[in-house]
């Protein structure tokens, strides 16, 4: 089994930010949340609130989207081209994509790719983030679903994924310049 991070690993950018910008064009009313989003980001960076709380505040704009399933479908029709070529060449049905992005947002593209998904649990109507799939939480969530599975290869753009990289026989850091062996401790 191979395991992949999603954003900036097999998708060229940050899918949550692309989704926000996509929604901003369709529903400019979501700008009413810009100040609370900005304050939440600053509070998170100052370690005053946890990441899950910051994401819940950021995702409050979901309340203004009338049909989230349709919006996600429209998003992927426009953004599917941002999936990286290397992934299309090596993807396998046993692959697991594990991401901090919202599960409901990534599920349609993972279904289309025919791969498994583990991602952050976020309510698509209220934006409440129930569990942020990040860092050691990725290992916990992976082990819940695949308790005895050996990871052959792991790919990510972020060293925050080192706990998951340590589970794999081989791990790779994905950068704009290419794919490199995971840095040694």
Protein backbone atom coordinates (compact mmCIF):
# COMPACT_ATOMS: atom_id res chain seq x y z
CA UNK A 1 0.00 0.00 0.00
CA UNK A 2 1.21 3.50 -0.84
CA UNK A 3 0.07 6.53 1.15
CA UNK A 4 -0.04 10.14 -0.08
CA UNK A 5 -0.70 13.53 1.42
CA UNK A 6 -2.99 15.53 -0.89
CA UNK A 7 -2.31 19.28 -0.94
CA UNK A 8 0.96 20.19 -2.66
CA UNK A 9 1.71 16.49 -2.97
CA UNK A 10 -0.66 15.16 -5.61
CA UNK A 11 -2.66 18.40 -5.96
CA UNK A 12 -0.53 21.36 -7.03
CA UNK A 13 -1.85 23.86 -4.47
CA UNK A 14 -3.88 24.00 -1.26
CA UNK A 15 -7.31 22.63 -2.18
CA UNK A 16 -9.06 24.29 0.79
CA UNK A 17 -7.80 27.72 -0.26
CA UNK A 18 -8.67 27.05 -3.90
CA UNK A 19 -12.14 26.00 -2.78
CA UNK A 20 -12.48 29.21 -0.74
CA UNK A 21 -11.49 31.35 -3.74
CA UNK A 22 -13.85 29.37 -5.97
CA UNK A 23 -16.71 30.00 -3.53
CA UNK A 24 -15.80 33.65 -3.15
CA UNK A 25 -16.39 34.17 -6.88
CA UNK A 26 -19.79 32.45 -6.68
CA UNK A 27 -20.93 33.84 -3.31
CA UNK A 28 -19.15 37.12 -2.48
CA UNK A 29 -21.27 37.31 0.70
CA UNK A 30 -18.73 35.02 2.35
CA UNK A 31 -16.46 38.06 2.68
CA UNK A 32 -18.44 38.97 5.80
CA UNK A 33 -16.29 36.38 7.58
CA UNK A 34 -12.94 37.83 6.53
CA UNK A 35 -12.21 39.63 9.80
CA UNK A 36 -13.11 36.70 12.04
CA UNK A 37 -11.07 34.42 9.76
CA UNK A 38 -8.10 36.77 9.98
CA UNK A 39 -8.32 37.04 13.77
CA UNK A 40 -8.62 33.25 14.08
CA UNK A 41 -5.53 32.76 11.95
CA UNK A 42 -3.55 35.25 14.06
CA UNK A 43 -4.81 33.65 17.30
CA UNK A 44 -3.75 30.25 16.00
CA UNK A 45 -0.29 31.50 15.00
CA UNK A 46 0.10 32.99 18.49
CA UNK A 47 -0.91 29.62 19.99
CA UNK A 48 -4.03 31.13 21.57
CA UNK A 49 -6.44 28.69 19.89
CA UNK A 50 -5.94 25.18 18.49
CA UNK A 51 -5.88 24.52 14.76
CA UNK A 52 -9.28 22.78 14.86
CA UNK A 53 -10.89 25.93 16.32
CA UNK A 54 -9.17 28.14 13.72
CA UNK A 55 -10.46 25.89 10.93
CA UNK A 56 -14.00 25.92 12.36
CA UNK A 57 -13.97 29.73 12.28
CA UNK A 58 -12.51 29.77 8.76
CA UNK A 59 -15.10 27.29 7.46
CA UNK A 60 -18.09 29.24 8.82
CA UNK A 61 -18.51 30.55 5.30
CA UNK A 62 -19.95 27.12 4.34
CA UNK A 63 -23.26 28.34 5.80
CA UNK A 64 -23.70 30.55 2.74
CA UNK A 65 -23.40 27.75 0.19
CA UNK A 66 -26.83 26.48 -0.71
CA UNK A 67 -25.93 23.10 -2.25
CA UNK A 68 -22.53 21.93 -1.04
CA UNK A 69 -22.52 18.66 -3.00
CA UNK A 70 -23.16 20.51 -6.25
CA UNK A 71 -20.54 23.16 -5.38
CA UNK A 72 -17.89 20.50 -4.69
CA UNK A 73 -18.73 18.81 -7.99
CA UNK A 74 -18.38 22.15 -9.83
CA UNK A 75 -15.08 22.79 -8.07
CA UNK A 76 -13.55 19.51 -9.21
CA UNK A 77 -14.76 20.05 -12.78
CA UNK A 78 -12.62 23.21 -12.82
CA UNK A 79 -9.70 22.08 -10.62
CA UNK A 80 -9.12 18.41 -11.46
CA UNK A 81 -6.37 19.48 -13.88
CA UNK A 82 -4.26 20.43 -10.83
CA UNK A 83 -3.65 16.77 -10.00
CA UNK A 84 0.02 16.06 -10.69
CA UNK A 85 1.03 13.88 -13.60
CA UNK A 86 3.37 11.67 -11.56
CA UNK A 87 0.42 10.53 -9.47
CA UNK A 88 -1.68 9.56 -12.47
CA UNK A 89 1.23 7.44 -13.71
CA UNK A 90 1.67 5.47 -10.48
CA UNK A 91 -1.73 5.45 -8.76
CA UNK A 92 -3.09 2.13 -7.58
CA UNK A 93 -6.51 1.13 -6.16
CA UNK A 94 -4.89 0.27 -2.81
CA UNK A 95 -3.55 3.83 -2.41
CA UNK A 96 -4.62 5.86 0.61
CA UNK A 97 -4.77 9.63 0.43
CA UNK A 98 -4.58 11.18 3.88
CA UNK A 99 -5.21 14.90 4.23
CA UNK A 100 -6.03 17.75 6.58
CA UNK A 101 -8.49 19.09 3.98
CA UNK A 102 -12.20 18.38 4.53
CA UNK A 103 -13.26 14.83 3.80
CA UNK A 104 -16.49 15.82 2.02
CA UNK A 105 -14.48 18.01 -0.35
CA UNK A 106 -11.91 15.35 -1.32
CA UNK A 107 -14.25 12.36 -1.43
CA UNK A 108 -15.57 12.98 -4.98
CA UNK A 109 -12.10 13.29 -6.53
CA UNK A 110 -10.79 10.26 -4.61
CA UNK A 111 -13.81 8.26 -5.76
CA UNK A 112 -13.09 9.30 -9.33
CA UNK A 113 -9.44 8.27 -8.91
CA UNK A 114 -10.59 4.98 -7.37
CA UNK A 115 -8.48 5.37 -4.21
CA UNK A 116 -9.10 5.39 -0.44
CA UNK A 117 -9.39 8.56 1.63
CA UNK A 118 -8.75 9.61 5.21
CA UNK A 119 -9.30 13.33 5.83
CA UNK A 120 -10.48 15.94 8.32
CA UNK A 121 -14.05 15.60 9.47
CA UNK A 122 -15.76 18.90 8.79
CA UNK A 123 -19.50 19.51 8.71
CA UNK A 124 -20.26 20.76 5.17
CA UNK A 125 -23.18 22.88 6.37
CA UNK A 126 -21.88 24.53 9.55
CA UNK A 127 -18.13 24.31 8.94
CA UNK A 128 -17.54 22.77 12.37
CA UNK A 129 -14.24 20.92 12.28
CA UNK A 130 -14.54 17.78 14.37
CA UNK A 131 -11.05 16.34 13.91
CA UNK A 132 -8.11 17.85 12.07
CA UNK A 133 -6.22 15.10 10.26
CA UNK A 134 -2.72 16.53 10.75
CA UNK A 135 0.63 15.35 12.13
CA UNK A 136 0.34 12.47 14.61
CA UNK A 137 -3.45 12.47 14.09
CA UNK A 138 -2.78 11.09 10.60
CA UNK A 139 -1.00 8.08 12.11
CA UNK A 140 -3.83 7.53 14.59
CA UNK A 141 -6.51 7.70 11.89
CA UNK A 142 -4.48 5.48 9.54
CA UNK A 143 -3.95 2.81 12.24
CA UNK A 144 -7.68 2.85 13.12
CA UNK A 145 -8.54 1.78 9.57
CA UNK A 146 -5.42 -0.22 8.69
CA UNK A 147 -4.08 -1.58 12.01
CA UNK A 148 -1.59 -4.09 10.62
CA UNK A 149 -0.94 -2.77 7.14
CA UNK A 150 2.60 -2.14 5.96
CA UNK A 151 3.06 1.14 4.06
CA UNK A 152 5.39 0.61 1.12
CA UNK A 153 5.87 4.25 0.07
CA UNK A 154 4.73 7.54 1.55
CA UNK A 155 4.68 10.92 -0.23
CA UNK A 156 4.18 14.38 1.30
CA UNK A 157 5.27 17.97 0.84
CA UNK A 158 5.48 18.63 4.59
CA UNK A 159 7.84 17.56 7.36
CA UNK A 160 4.83 17.73 9.70
CA UNK A 161 4.06 14.32 8.20
CA UNK A 162 7.26 12.77 9.61
CA UNK A 163 5.28 10.53 12.03
CA UNK A 164 3.52 8.95 9.04
CA UNK A 165 6.72 8.88 6.97
CA UNK A 166 8.32 6.77 9.70
CA UNK A 167 5.69 4.04 9.15
CA UNK A 168 6.72 3.54 5.53
CA UNK A 169 9.46 1.38 4.09
CA UNK A 170 10.43 4.40 2.00
CA UNK A 171 9.25 8.01 2.14
CA UNK A 172 9.50 10.88 -0.28
CA UNK A 173 9.34 14.64 0.07
CA UNK A 174 7.49 16.31 -2.80
CA UNK A 175 8.73 19.80 -3.68
CA UNK A 176 8.16 22.08 -6.67
CA UNK A 177 11.56 20.89 -7.92
CA UNK A 178 10.63 17.20 -7.80
CA UNK A 179 10.40 14.12 -5.59
CA UNK A 180 13.27 13.50 -3.17
CA UNK A 181 14.07 10.91 -0.47
CA UNK A 182 12.68 11.91 2.93
CA UNK A 183 15.29 13.86 4.96
CA UNK A 184 17.12 11.86 7.59
CA UNK A 185 16.48 12.82 11.23
